Amino acid sequence: MPQVLIPSDNRDFVFQLAAAYRRRSWDVVVGASNFDLQSARYDLVHLQWPEELSGWKPPSESRLKDIVLRLDGWAQQARVIITVHNLLPHRQWNDPAYHTLFEAVYQRVSVLAHFTETSRQIVATEFPVANTRSNVVTGGFNLDYLLPAQHDPEAARQQLGLSSDDFVVLVFGGLREWAEVTLVRDAFATTNVARKRLLMCGRYDEFGPVWRQRWRRWTWARWLRKNRAITIPEYIPDAEVHRVLDASDVLLLPRLRALNSGLPALAASFGKPLAAPRYGAFPELLNGTANPLYETGNARDLARAIEEASRLERPTIYNQNRDLAESWDWDAIVASGLQAVGLG
């Protein structure tokens, strides 16, 4: 039985990827620590986030040398592929050590796997070394495993204290920088939709001076209370995710520099409209659908996108997004990658 190592501690994406490998009769091992251990032999090493190899922080010179040494070791005994999730890490993205790390990784993998052609082009521009490797576009992924056996939007709204005629704007996941907070705040404030309610599932979480961050969190919390937002700052287990999606009318993607995101997969799987920035892979992913796009970072344009979503015919956008979810396939991601590395 062929063996693959996925050296990551991520649970959502990696667990679904591992399940797809198992369906192809591969033996799968996961865990970031196995990258350094190198205590077993594998046919394939499938990397995910380079920054995870340095503890989700810019690598020191010594750690970068260790990562390069391990990569060279893996490349001598196995095929090495990486799924490209980000152009650069979400936090401290402009640290030159991160750029050096990504370049070192791309120099040593056999294949870069992208969800979109846009991703391939953007990464090749930022990291010309990527053009010297094989690149494959695998298509996106869905999150259908989060779907309940039966949807009950009315019950979901009642549990959250929402009315059936509220227009519910959902933010799902953390806000990584203050500019994302102000984007959501200002867009929601200027959205002209009757009975709008904000459902905030996640926290504002950013590095920075302690007192500045305390002030910003307090300011944000006060604004949420003043605007009667429903807030769920704690982690939502997979089995409960459907409750907030069933209760919502539109999902926001308030990112400023993201290449990819799991939110298109979440919206598509639940058939919910997604307001996404006209940036990165999102225009390509949502092409041919009525999901509204907005100018990146522009609160007024995001407000316009929310208003546009409120006027969409629900059955139409549901069917369009479900078609997307069904076209984005975990097994196709694995099959494309294996074929690219010559193990398919």
C-alpha atoms as a PDB file:
ATOM      1  CA  MET A   1       0.000   0.000   0.000  1.00  0.00           C
ATOM      2  CA  PRO A   2       1.516   3.385  -0.982  1.00  0.00           C
ATOM      3  CA  GLN A   3       2.075   5.851   1.849  1.00  0.00           C
ATOM      4  CA  VAL A   4       1.670   9.617   2.006  1.00  0.00           C
ATOM      5  CA  LEU A   5       2.757  12.018   4.733  1.00  0.00           C
ATOM      6  CA  ILE A   6       0.764  15.230   5.180  1.00  0.00           C
ATOM      7  CA  PRO A   7       2.930  17.122   7.710  1.00  0.00           C
ATOM      8  CA  SER A   8       0.254  19.391   9.157  1.00  0.00           C
ATOM      9  CA  ASP A   9      -1.839  19.580  12.320  1.00  0.00           C
ATOM     10  CA  ASN A  10      -4.771  21.204  10.525  1.00  0.00           C
ATOM     11  CA  ARG A  11      -8.021  19.329  11.098  1.00  0.00           C
ATOM     12  CA  ASP A  12     -10.543  20.548   8.516  1.00  0.00           C
ATOM     13  CA  PHE A  13      -8.757  20.692   5.160  1.00  0.00           C
ATOM     14  CA  VAL A  14      -6.156  18.034   5.981  1.00  0.00           C
ATOM     15  CA  PHE A  15      -8.680  15.534   7.384  1.00  0.00           C
ATOM     16  CA  GLN A  16     -10.756  15.742   4.219  1.00  0.00           C
ATOM     17  CA  LEU A  17      -7.641  15.465   2.062  1.00  0.00           C
ATOM     18  CA  ALA A  18      -6.529  12.417   4.045  1.00  0.00           C
ATOM     19  CA  ALA A  19      -9.950  10.806   3.557  1.00  0.00           C
ATOM     20  CA  ALA A  20      -9.621  11.298  -0.209  1.00  0.00           C
ATOM     21  CA  TYR A  21      -6.222   9.582  -0.174  1.00  0.00           C
ATOM     22  CA  ARG A  22      -7.667   6.683   1.800  1.00  0.00           C
ATOM     23  CA  ARG A  23     -10.436   6.273  -0.765  1.00  0.00           C
ATOM     24  CA  ARG A  24      -7.627   5.655  -3.282  1.00  0.00           C
ATOM     25  CA  SER A  25      -6.170   2.981  -0.968  1.00  0.00           C
ATOM     26  CA  TRP A  26      -3.283   5.089   0.278  1.00  0.00           C
ATOM     27  CA  ASP A  27      -1.971   4.799   3.825  1.00  0.00           C
ATOM     28  CA  VAL A  28      -1.994   8.317   5.308  1.00  0.00           C
ATOM     29  CA  VAL A  29       0.037   9.824   8.145  1.00  0.00           C
ATOM     30  CA  VAL A  30      -0.553  13.408   9.308  1.00  0.00           C
ATOM     31  CA  GLY A  31       1.168  15.685  11.808  1.00  0.00           C
ATOM     32  CA  ALA A  32       3.602  18.585  11.551  1.00  0.00           C
ATOM     33  CA  SER A  33       6.162  16.964  13.844  1.00  0.00           C
ATOM     34  CA  ASN A  34       6.665  14.140  11.344  1.00  0.00           C
ATOM     35  CA  PHE A  35       8.244  16.647   8.955  1.00  0.00           C
ATOM     36  CA  ASP A  36      11.248  16.978  11.286  1.00  0.00           C
ATOM     37  CA  LEU A  37      11.289  13.414  12.582  1.00  0.00           C
ATOM     38  CA  GLN A  38      11.848  11.755   9.195  1.00  0.00           C
ATOM     39  CA  SER A  39      11.513   8.450  11.042  1.00  0.00           C
ATOM     40  CA  ALA A  40       9.707   6.583   8.274  1.00  0.00           C
ATOM     41  CA  ARG A  41       9.740   6.319   4.503  1.00  0.00           C
ATOM     42  CA  TYR A  42       6.891   7.553   2.318  1.00  0.00           C
ATOM     43  CA  ASP A  43       6.132   7.501  -1.369  1.00  0.00           C
ATOM     44  CA  LEU A  44       4.765  11.039  -1.230  1.00  0.00           C
ATOM     45  CA  VAL A  45       5.054  14.054   1.073  1.00  0.00           C
ATOM     46  CA  HIS A  46       2.141  16.457   0.600  1.00  0.00           C
ATOM     47  CA  LEU A  47       2.987  19.847   2.121  1.00  0.00           C
ATOM     48  CA  GLN A  48       0.342  22.431   2.987  1.00  0.00           C
ATOM     49  CA  TRP A  49       1.309  25.743   4.661  1.00  0.00           C
ATOM     50  CA  PRO A  50       5.063  26.531   4.623  1.00  0.00           C
ATOM     51  CA  GLU A  51       4.621  28.835   7.613  1.00  0.00           C
ATOM     52  CA  GLU A  52       3.372  25.913   9.706  1.00  0.00           C
ATOM     53  CA  LEU A  53       6.834  24.385   9.368  1.00  0.00           C
ATOM     54  CA  SER A  54       8.218  27.417  11.233  1.00  0.00           C
ATOM     55  CA  GLY A  55       5.538  27.433  13.940  1.00  0.00           C
ATOM     56  CA  TRP A  56       3.263  29.959  12.174  1.00  0.00           C
ATOM     57  CA  LYS A  57       5.868  32.701  12.585  1.00  0.00           C
ATOM     58  CA  PRO A  58       8.700  34.028  10.406  1.00  0.00           C
ATOM     59  CA  PRO A  59      11.550  31.521  10.541  1.00  0.00           C
ATOM     60  CA  SER A  60      14.872  32.328  12.141  1.00  0.00           C
ATOM     61  CA  GLU A  61      17.990  31.685  10.066  1.00  0.00           C
ATOM     62  CA  SER A  62      18.648  28.457  11.960  1.00  0.00           C
ATOM     63  CA  ARG A  63      15.072  27.222  11.552  1.00  0.00           C
ATOM     64  CA  LEU A  64      15.138  28.048   7.847  1.00  0.00           C
ATOM     65  CA  LYS A  65      18.331  25.972   7.474  1.00  0.00           C
ATOM     66  CA  ASP A  66      16.658  23.072   9.300  1.00  0.00           C
ATOM     67  CA  ILE A  67      13.589  23.254   7.023  1.00  0.00           C
ATOM     68  CA  VAL A  68      15.760  23.284   3.892  1.00  0.00           C
ATOM     69  CA  LEU A  69      17.773  20.325   5.212  1.00  0.00           C
ATOM     70  CA  ARG A  70      14.598  18.350   5.891  1.00  0.00           C
ATOM     71  CA  LEU A  71      13.132  19.239   2.491  1.00  0.00           C
ATOM     72  CA  ASP A  72      16.287  18.062   0.745  1.00  0.00           C
ATOM     73  CA  GLY A  73      16.085  14.845   2.740  1.00  0.00           C
ATOM     74  CA  TRP A  74      12.456  14.225   1.810  1.00  0.00           C
ATOM     75  CA  ALA A  75      13.127  15.001  -1.854  1.00  0.00           C
ATOM     76  CA  GLN A  76      15.796  12.288  -1.946  1.00  0.00           C
ATOM     77  CA  GLN A  77      13.386   9.550  -0.862  1.00  0.00           C
ATOM     78  CA  ALA A  78       9.898  10.671  -1.961  1.00  0.00           C
ATOM     79  CA  ARG A  79       7.945  12.827  -4.371  1.00  0.00           C
ATOM     80  CA  VAL A  80       7.096  16.163  -2.742  1.00  0.00           C
ATOM     81  CA  ILE A  81       4.019  18.206  -3.616  1.00  0.00           C
ATOM     82  CA  ILE A  82       2.565  21.327  -2.058  1.00  0.00           C
ATOM     83  CA  THR A  83      -1.000  22.633  -2.132  1.00  0.00           C
ATOM     84  CA  VAL A  84      -0.840  26.409  -2.531  1.00  0.00           C
ATOM     85  CA  HIS A  85      -3.195  27.971   0.016  1.00  0.00           C
ATOM     86  CA  ASN A  86      -1.753  31.482   0.337  1.00  0.00           C
ATOM     87  CA  LEU A  87       0.517  33.777  -1.617  1.00  0.00           C
ATOM     88  CA  LEU A  88       2.138  34.666   1.716  1.00  0.00           C
ATOM     89  CA  PRO A  89       1.005  34.083   5.328  1.00  0.00           C
ATOM     90  CA  HIS A  90      -1.999  36.028   6.599  1.00  0.00           C
ATOM     91  CA  ARG A  91      -0.075  37.634   9.441  1.00  0.00           C
ATOM     92  CA  GLN A  92       3.300  39.357   9.095  1.00  0.00           C
ATOM     93  CA  TRP A  93       2.993  38.695   5.373  1.00  0.00           C
ATOM     94  CA  ASN A  94       5.585  41.351   4.524  1.00  0.00           C
ATOM     95  CA  ASP A  95       8.364  39.814   6.646  1.00  0.00           C
ATOM     96  CA  PRO A  96      11.232  38.973   4.242  1.00  0.00           C
ATOM     97  CA  ALA A  97      11.903  35.724   6.105  1.00  0.00           C
ATOM     98  CA  TYR A  98       8.553  34.411   4.921  1.00  0.00           C
ATOM     99  CA  HIS A  99       9.383  35.207   1.314  1.00  0.00           C
ATOM    100  CA  THR A 100      12.678  33.345   1.684  1.00  0.00           C
ATOM    101  CA  LEU A 101      10.869  30.378   3.247  1.00  0.00           C
ATOM    102  CA  PHE A 102       8.302  30.106   0.450  1.00  0.00           C
ATOM    103  CA  GLU A 103      10.972  30.415  -2.210  1.00  0.00           C
ATOM    104  CA  ALA A 104      13.051  27.683  -0.556  1.00  0.00           C
ATOM    105  CA  VAL A 105      10.035  25.368  -0.419  1.00  0.00           C
ATOM    106  CA  TYR A 106       9.066  25.962  -4.051  1.00  0.00           C
ATOM    107  CA  GLN A 107      12.648  25.242  -5.146  1.00  0.00           C
ATOM    108  CA  ARG A 108      12.438  21.775  -3.623  1.00  0.00           C
ATOM    109  CA  VAL A 109       8.984  20.433  -4.425  1.00  0.00           C
ATOM    110  CA  SER A 110       8.133  18.354  -7.486  1.00  0.00           C
ATOM    111  CA  VAL A 111       4.720  19.921  -8.021  1.00  0.00           C
ATOM    112  CA  LEU A 112       2.738  22.981  -6.947  1.00  0.00           C
ATOM    113  CA  ALA A 113      -0.992  22.221  -6.825  1.00  0.00           C
ATOM    114  CA  HIS A 114      -3.325  25.199  -7.260  1.00  0.00           C
ATOM    115  CA  PHE A 115      -7.086  25.470  -6.857  1.00  0.00           C
ATOM    116  CA  THR A 116      -7.295  27.926  -9.783  1.00  0.00           C
ATOM    117  CA  GLU A 117      -5.370  29.111 -12.821  1.00  0.00           C
ATOM    118  CA  THR A 118      -5.324  32.559 -11.198  1.00  0.00           C
ATOM    119  CA  SER A 119      -3.372  31.114  -8.280  1.00  0.00           C
ATOM    120  CA  ARG A 120      -0.813  29.605 -10.646  1.00  0.00           C
ATOM    121  CA  GLN A 121      -0.282  32.945 -12.372  1.00  0.00           C
ATOM    122  CA  ILE A 122      -0.063  35.045  -9.194  1.00  0.00           C
ATOM    123  CA  VAL A 123       2.372  32.673  -7.489  1.00  0.00           C
ATOM    124  CA  ALA A 124       4.585  32.504 -10.587  1.00  0.00           C
ATOM    125  CA  THR A 125       4.757  36.308 -10.657  1.00  0.00           C
ATOM    126  CA  GLU A 126       5.694  36.591  -6.973  1.00  0.00           C
ATOM    127  CA  PHE A 127       7.987  33.526  -7.015  1.00  0.00           C
ATOM    128  CA  PRO A 128       9.518  32.993 -10.487  1.00  0.00           C
ATOM    129  CA  VAL A 129      11.116  29.772  -9.226  1.00  0.00           C
ATOM    130  CA  ALA A 130       7.618  28.251  -9.239  1.00  0.00           C
ATOM    131  CA  ASN A 131       7.766  28.317 -13.040  1.00  0.00           C
ATOM    132  CA  THR A 132      10.691  25.890 -12.917  1.00  0.00           C
ATOM    133  CA  ARG A 133       8.509  23.301 -11.151  1.00  0.00           C
ATOM    134  CA  SER A 134       5.498  21.405 -12.453  1.00  0.00           C
ATOM    135  CA  ASN A 135       2.229  23.205 -11.730  1.00  0.00           C
ATOM    136  CA  VAL A 136      -1.232  21.636 -11.752  1.00  0.00           C
ATOM    137  CA  VAL A 137      -4.667  23.204 -11.313  1.00  0.00           C
ATOM    138  CA  THR A 138      -6.791  20.784  -9.306  1.00  0.00           C
ATOM    139  CA  GLY A 139     -10.026  22.733  -8.914  1.00  0.00           C
ATOM    140  CA  GLY A 140     -11.555  23.738  -5.596  1.00  0.00           C
ATOM    141  CA  PHE A 141     -12.967  21.776  -2.660  1.00  0.00           C
ATOM    142  CA  ASN A 142     -16.368  21.642  -1.020  1.00  0.00           C
ATOM    143  CA  LEU A 143     -17.439  21.357   2.612  1.00  0.00           C
ATOM    144  CA  ASP A 144     -20.396  19.068   2.065  1.00  0.00           C
ATOM    145  CA  TYR A 145     -19.409  17.027   5.120  1.00  0.00           C
ATOM    146  CA  LEU A 146     -20.769  19.923   7.228  1.00  0.00           C
ATOM    147  CA  LEU A 147     -24.266  19.623   5.758  1.00  0.00           C
ATOM    148  CA  PRO A 148     -26.956  18.339   8.151  1.00  0.00           C
ATOM    149  CA  ALA A 149     -29.320  15.538   7.300  1.00  0.00           C
ATOM    150  CA  GLN A 150     -32.111  18.112   7.278  1.00  0.00           C
ATOM    151  CA  HIS A 151     -32.078  21.924   7.187  1.00  0.00           C
ATOM    152  CA  ASP A 152     -34.289  23.889   9.583  1.00  0.00           C
ATOM    153  CA  PRO A 153     -33.626  27.627   9.041  1.00  0.00           C
ATOM    154  CA  GLU A 154     -36.555  28.716  11.230  1.00  0.00           C
ATOM    155  CA  ALA A 155     -35.314  26.744  14.215  1.00  0.00           C
ATOM    156  CA  ALA A 156     -31.770  27.999  13.638  1.00  0.00           C
ATOM    157  CA  ARG A 157     -32.975  31.602  13.720  1.00  0.00           C
ATOM    158  CA  GLN A 158     -35.077  31.087  16.809  1.00  0.00           C
ATOM    159  CA  GLN A 159     -32.088  29.665  18.685  1.00  0.00           C
ATOM    160  CA  LEU A 160     -30.120  32.823  17.864  1.00  0.00           C
ATOM    161  CA  GLY A 161     -32.937  35.242  18.660  1.00  0.00           C
ATOM    162  CA  LEU A 162     -33.483  36.196  15.023  1.00  0.00           C
ATOM    163  CA  SER A 163     -36.798  36.761  13.266  1.00  0.00           C
ATOM    164  CA  SER A 164     -37.839  35.118  10.030  1.00  0.00           C
ATOM    165  CA  ASP A 165     -37.935  38.499   8.264  1.00  0.00           C
ATOM    166  CA  ASP A 166     -34.468  39.638   9.427  1.00  0.00           C
ATOM    167  CA  PHE A 167     -31.821  39.909   6.726  1.00  0.00           C
ATOM    168  CA  VAL A 168     -28.847  38.158   8.333  1.00  0.00           C
ATOM    169  CA  VAL A 169     -25.309  39.062   7.270  1.00  0.00           C
ATOM    170  CA  LEU A 170     -22.840  36.395   8.392  1.00  0.00           C
ATOM    171  CA  VAL A 171     -19.133  36.895   9.123  1.00  0.00           C
ATOM    172  CA  PHE A 172     -17.609  33.469   9.732  1.00  0.00           C
ATOM    173  CA  GLY A 173     -14.024  33.197  10.943  1.00  0.00           C
ATOM    174  CA  GLY A 174     -11.592  35.560  12.596  1.00  0.00           C
ATOM    175  CA  LEU A 175     -10.863  39.106  11.489  1.00  0.00           C
ATOM    176  CA  ARG A 176      -7.097  39.185  11.149  1.00  0.00           C
ATOM    177  CA  GLU A 177      -6.427  42.915  11.016  1.00  0.00           C
ATOM    178  CA  TRP A 178      -8.118  46.163  11.996  1.00  0.00           C
ATOM    179  CA  ALA A 179      -8.732  47.073   8.363  1.00  0.00           C
ATOM    180  CA  GLU A 180     -10.973  43.997   8.064  1.00  0.00           C
ATOM    181  CA  VAL A 181     -12.899  45.121  11.156  1.00  0.00           C
ATOM    182  CA  THR A 182     -13.459  48.601   9.748  1.00  0.00           C
ATOM    183  CA  LEU A 183     -14.460  47.112   6.395  1.00  0.00           C
ATOM    184  CA  VAL A 184     -17.195  44.999   8.000  1.00  0.00           C
ATOM    185  CA  ARG A 185     -18.280  47.792  10.343  1.00  0.00           C
ATOM    186  CA  ASP A 186     -18.502  50.534   7.717  1.00  0.00           C
ATOM    187  CA  ALA A 187     -20.079  48.304   5.063  1.00  0.00           C
ATOM    188  CA  PHE A 188     -22.769  47.038   7.418  1.00  0.00           C
ATOM    189  CA  ALA A 189     -23.489  50.551   8.699  1.00  0.00           C
ATOM    190  CA  THR A 190     -24.099  51.886   5.184  1.00  0.00           C
ATOM    191  CA  THR A 191     -25.997  48.874   3.811  1.00  0.00           C
ATOM    192  CA  ASN A 192     -29.519  49.911   2.877  1.00  0.00           C
ATOM    193  CA  VAL A 193     -31.445  46.726   3.642  1.00  0.00           C
ATOM    194  CA  ALA A 194     -34.479  46.550   5.914  1.00  0.00           C
ATOM    195  CA  ARG A 195     -34.120  44.617   9.173  1.00  0.00           C
ATOM    196  CA  LYS A 196     -30.445  43.851   8.648  1.00  0.00           C
ATOM    197  CA  ARG A 197     -28.711  41.922  11.417  1.00  0.00           C
ATOM    198  CA  LEU A 198     -25.044  41.022  11.741  1.00  0.00           C
ATOM    199  CA  LEU A 199     -24.137  37.500  12.845  1.00  0.00           C
ATOM    200  CA  MET A 200     -20.488  37.664  13.907  1.00  0.00           C
ATOM    201  CA  CYS A 201     -18.961  34.184  14.321  1.00  0.00           C
ATOM    202  CA  GLY A 202     -15.344  34.778  15.151  1.00  0.00           C
ATOM    203  CA  ARG A 203     -13.068  37.264  16.865  1.00  0.00           C
ATOM    204  CA  TYR A 204     -10.825  40.148  15.942  1.00  0.00           C
ATOM    205  CA  ASP A 205      -7.334  38.777  16.521  1.00  0.00           C
ATOM    206  CA  GLU A 206      -4.257  40.746  15.505  1.00  0.00           C
ATOM    207  CA  PHE A 207      -0.693  41.172  16.678  1.00  0.00           C
ATOM    208  CA  GLY A 208       0.305  44.566  18.011  1.00  0.00           C
ATOM    209  CA  PRO A 209       0.972  46.681  21.124  1.00  0.00           C
ATOM    210  CA  VAL A 210      -1.096  45.396  24.049  1.00  0.00           C
ATOM    211  CA  TRP A 211      -2.925  48.628  24.863  1.00  0.00           C
ATOM    212  CA  ARG A 212      -3.723  49.379  21.244  1.00  0.00           C
ATOM    213  CA  GLN A 213      -5.167  45.913  20.789  1.00  0.00           C
ATOM    214  CA  ARG A 214      -7.215  46.168  24.002  1.00  0.00           C
ATOM    215  CA  TRP A 215      -8.628  49.498  22.855  1.00  0.00           C
ATOM    216  CA  ARG A 216      -9.495  48.133  19.452  1.00  0.00           C
ATOM    217  CA  ARG A 217     -11.186  45.022  20.851  1.00  0.00           C
ATOM    218  CA  TRP A 218     -13.190  47.139  23.288  1.00  0.00           C
ATOM    219  CA  THR A 219     -14.210  49.541  20.501  1.00  0.00           C
ATOM    220  CA  TRP A 220     -15.259  46.655  18.257  1.00  0.00           C
ATOM    221  CA  ALA A 221     -17.211  44.922  21.040  1.00  0.00           C
ATOM    222  CA  ARG A 222     -19.001  48.183  21.873  1.00  0.00           C
ATOM    223  CA  TRP A 223     -19.956  48.676  18.205  1.00  0.00           C
ATOM    224  CA  LEU A 224     -21.293  45.104  17.995  1.00  0.00           C
ATOM    225  CA  ARG A 225     -23.458  45.655  21.083  1.00  0.00           C
ATOM    226  CA  LYS A 226     -24.725  49.011  19.860  1.00  0.00           C
ATOM    227  CA  ASN A 227     -25.754  47.474  16.535  1.00  0.00           C
ATOM    228  CA  ARG A 228     -27.478  44.466  18.128  1.00  0.00           C
ATOM    229  CA  ALA A 229     -25.119  42.007  16.487  1.00  0.00           C
ATOM    230  CA  ILE A 230     -25.363  38.336  17.391  1.00  0.00           C
ATOM    231  CA  THR A 231     -21.835  37.335  18.430  1.00  0.00           C
ATOM    232  CA  ILE A 232     -20.375  33.840  18.746  1.00  0.00           C
ATOM    233  CA  PRO A 233     -16.667  34.371  19.471  1.00  0.00           C
ATOM    234  CA  GLU A 234     -15.900  30.804  20.481  1.00  0.00           C
ATOM    235  CA  TYR A 235     -15.018  27.895  18.184  1.00  0.00           C
ATOM    236  CA  ILE A 236     -18.027  26.301  16.501  1.00  0.00           C
ATOM    237  CA  PRO A 237     -17.755  22.486  16.225  1.00  0.00           C
ATOM    238  CA  ASP A 238     -18.336  20.971  12.803  1.00  0.00           C
ATOM    239  CA  ALA A 239     -21.642  19.484  13.893  1.00  0.00           C
ATOM    240  CA  GLU A 240     -22.945  22.965  14.771  1.00  0.00           C
ATOM    241  CA  VAL A 241     -21.724  24.953  11.754  1.00  0.00           C
ATOM    242  CA  HIS A 242     -24.955  24.344   9.843  1.00  0.00           C
ATOM    243  CA  ARG A 243     -26.947  26.274  12.449  1.00  0.00           C
ATOM    244  CA  VAL A 244     -25.291  29.618  11.672  1.00  0.00           C
ATOM    245  CA  LEU A 245     -25.298  28.986   7.917  1.00  0.00           C
ATOM    246  CA  ASP A 246     -28.974  27.993   7.961  1.00  0.00           C
ATOM    247  CA  ALA A 247     -29.777  31.175   9.893  1.00  0.00           C
ATOM    248  CA  SER A 248     -27.958  33.490   7.455  1.00  0.00           C
ATOM    249  CA  ASP A 249     -28.878  35.213   4.191  1.00  0.00           C
ATOM    250  CA  VAL A 250     -25.439  36.195   2.896  1.00  0.00           C
ATOM    251  CA  LEU A 251     -21.877  35.302   3.836  1.00  0.00           C
ATOM    252  CA  LEU A 252     -19.156  37.976   3.772  1.00  0.00           C
ATOM    253  CA  LEU A 253     -15.529  37.430   2.752  1.00  0.00           C
ATOM    254  CA  PRO A 254     -13.851  40.560   4.218  1.00  0.00           C
ATOM    255  CA  ARG A 255     -10.256  39.750   3.221  1.00  0.00           C
ATOM    256  CA  LEU A 256      -7.793  42.300   1.841  1.00  0.00           C
ATOM    257  CA  ARG A 257      -4.946  40.147   0.486  1.00  0.00           C
ATOM    258  CA  ALA A 258      -6.151  36.542   0.512  1.00  0.00           C
ATOM    259  CA  LEU A 259      -5.321  34.354  -2.466  1.00  0.00           C
ATOM    260  CA  ASN A 260      -7.737  31.623  -1.363  1.00  0.00           C
ATOM    261  CA  SER A 261     -10.229  31.006   1.409  1.00  0.00           C
ATOM    262  CA  GLY A 262     -12.466  28.253   2.714  1.00  0.00           C
ATOM    263  CA  LEU A 263     -15.460  30.606   2.633  1.00  0.00           C
ATOM    264  CA  PRO A 264     -16.356  30.043  -1.047  1.00  0.00           C
ATOM    265  CA  ALA A 265     -16.539  26.325  -0.285  1.00  0.00           C
ATOM    266  CA  LEU A 266     -18.696  27.021   2.767  1.00  0.00           C
ATOM    267  CA  ALA A 267     -21.109  29.284   0.884  1.00  0.00           C
ATOM    268  CA  ALA A 268     -21.296  26.938  -2.108  1.00  0.00           C
ATOM    269  CA  SER A 269     -21.928  23.859   0.010  1.00  0.00           C
ATOM    270  CA  PHE A 270     -24.849  25.534   1.786  1.00  0.00           C
ATOM    271  CA  GLY A 271     -26.111  27.288  -1.346  1.00  0.00           C
ATOM    272  CA  LYS A 272     -25.704  30.721   0.271  1.00  0.00           C
ATOM    273  CA  PRO A 273     -24.702  33.882  -1.616  1.00  0.00           C
ATOM    274  CA  LEU A 274     -21.161  35.065  -0.977  1.00  0.00           C
ATOM    275  CA  ALA A 275     -19.979  38.691  -1.137  1.00  0.00           C
ATOM    276  CA  ALA A 276     -16.311  38.329  -2.097  1.00  0.00           C
ATOM    277  CA  PRO A 277     -13.532  40.762  -3.054  1.00  0.00           C
ATOM    278  CA  ARG A 278     -12.667  41.164  -6.715  1.00  0.00           C
ATOM    279  CA  TYR A 279      -9.191  39.875  -5.937  1.00  0.00           C
ATOM    280  CA  GLY A 280      -7.104  36.715  -5.966  1.00  0.00           C
ATOM    281  CA  ALA A 281      -8.831  33.515  -7.011  1.00  0.00           C
ATOM    282  CA  PHE A 282     -12.350  34.636  -6.069  1.00  0.00           C
ATOM    283  CA  PRO A 283     -13.483  36.031  -9.446  1.00  0.00           C
ATOM    284  CA  GLU A 284     -12.386  32.795 -11.128  1.00  0.00           C
ATOM    285  CA  LEU A 285     -13.980  30.572  -8.487  1.00  0.00           C
ATOM    286  CA  LEU A 286     -17.312  32.405  -8.652  1.00  0.00           C
ATOM    287  CA  ASN A 287     -17.342  32.984 -12.401  1.00  0.00           C
ATOM    288  CA  GLY A 288     -20.727  32.358 -14.020  1.00  0.00           C
ATOM    289  CA  THR A 289     -22.684  32.813 -10.790  1.00  0.00           C
ATOM    290  CA  ALA A 290     -24.672  35.699  -9.305  1.00  0.00           C
ATOM    291  CA  ASN A 291     -22.469  35.915  -6.197  1.00  0.00           C
ATOM    292  CA  PRO A 292     -21.671  39.651  -5.890  1.00  0.00           C
ATOM    293  CA  LEU A 293     -18.062  40.828  -6.027  1.00  0.00           C
ATOM    294  CA  TYR A 294     -16.828  44.101  -4.544  1.00  0.00           C
ATOM    295  CA  GLU A 295     -13.738  46.267  -4.827  1.00  0.00           C
ATOM    296  CA  THR A 296     -11.209  45.000  -2.296  1.00  0.00           C
ATOM    297  CA  GLY A 297     -11.225  47.054   0.907  1.00  0.00           C
ATOM    298  CA  ASN A 298     -14.014  49.361  -0.307  1.00  0.00           C
ATOM    299  CA  ALA A 299     -16.744  49.472   2.360  1.00  0.00           C
ATOM    300  CA  ARG A 300     -19.250  51.283   0.160  1.00  0.00           C
ATOM    301  CA  ASP A 301     -18.836  48.731  -2.590  1.00  0.00           C
ATOM    302  CA  LEU A 302     -19.187  45.891  -0.090  1.00  0.00           C
ATOM    303  CA  ALA A 303     -22.428  47.522   1.123  1.00  0.00           C
ATOM    304  CA  ARG A 304     -23.594  47.567  -2.480  1.00  0.00           C
ATOM    305  CA  ALA A 305     -22.714  43.859  -2.809  1.00  0.00           C
ATOM    306  CA  ILE A 306     -24.735  43.049   0.320  1.00  0.00           C
ATOM    307  CA  GLU A 307     -27.694  44.950  -1.073  1.00  0.00           C
ATOM    308  CA  GLU A 308     -27.320  43.073  -4.346  1.00  0.00           C
ATOM    309  CA  ALA A 309     -27.322  39.771  -2.444  1.00  0.00           C
ATOM    310  CA  SER A 310     -30.570  40.765  -0.712  1.00  0.00           C
ATOM    311  CA  ARG A 311     -32.273  41.016  -4.112  1.00  0.00           C
ATOM    312  CA  LEU A 312     -31.096  37.686  -5.487  1.00  0.00           C
ATOM    313  CA  GLU A 313     -33.619  34.968  -6.247  1.00  0.00           C
ATOM    314  CA  ARG A 314     -32.855  32.409  -3.560  1.00  0.00           C
ATOM    315  CA  PRO A 315     -33.537  29.254  -5.646  1.00  0.00           C
ATOM    316  CA  THR A 316     -31.290  30.547  -8.446  1.00  0.00           C
ATOM    317  CA  ILE A 317     -28.262  31.325  -6.280  1.00  0.00           C
ATOM    318  CA  TYR A 318     -28.792  28.125  -4.288  1.00  0.00           C
ATOM    319  CA  ASN A 319     -28.671  26.005  -7.437  1.00  0.00           C
ATOM    320  CA  GLN A 320     -25.686  27.907  -8.848  1.00  0.00           C
ATOM    321  CA  ASN A 321     -23.675  27.493  -5.687  1.00  0.00           C
ATOM    322  CA  ARG A 322     -24.628  23.864  -5.222  1.00  0.00           C
ATOM    323  CA  ASP A 323     -23.422  23.250  -8.773  1.00  0.00           C
ATOM    324  CA  LEU A 324     -20.102  24.810  -7.761  1.00  0.00           C
ATOM    325  CA  ALA A 325     -19.856  22.629  -4.666  1.00  0.00           C
ATOM    326  CA  GLU A 326     -20.485  19.502  -6.703  1.00  0.00           C
ATOM    327  CA  SER A 327     -17.815  20.498  -9.231  1.00  0.00           C
ATOM    328  CA  TRP A 328     -15.209  21.035  -6.505  1.00  0.00           C
ATOM    329  CA  ASP A 329     -14.112  17.563  -5.524  1.00  0.00           C
ATOM    330  CA  TRP A 330     -11.614  16.240  -2.970  1.00  0.00           C
ATOM    331  CA  ASP A 331     -10.996  13.085  -4.995  1.00  0.00           C
ATOM    332  CA  ALA A 332     -10.193  15.191  -8.069  1.00  0.00           C
ATOM    333  CA  ILE A 333      -7.656  17.199  -6.030  1.00  0.00           C
ATOM    334  CA  VAL A 334      -5.852  14.027  -5.004  1.00  0.00           C
ATOM    335  CA  ALA A 335      -6.104  12.419  -8.435  1.00  0.00           C
ATOM    336  CA  SER A 336      -4.685  15.520 -10.167  1.00  0.00           C
ATOM    337  CA  GLY A 337      -1.808  15.760  -7.730  1.00  0.00           C
ATOM    338  CA  LEU A 338      -0.893  12.090  -7.997  1.00  0.00           C
ATOM    339  CA  GLN A 339      -0.930  12.233 -11.758  1.00  0.00           C
ATOM    340  CA  ALA A 340       1.287  15.326 -11.727  1.00  0.00           C
ATOM    341  CA  VAL A 341       3.927  13.618  -9.555  1.00  0.00           C
ATOM    342  CA  GLY A 342       3.745  10.414 -11.601  1.00  0.00           C
ATOM    343  CA  LEU A 343       2.033   8.279  -8.971  1.00  0.00           C
ATOM    344  CA  GLY A 344      -1.498   8.357 -10.390  1.00  0.00           C
END
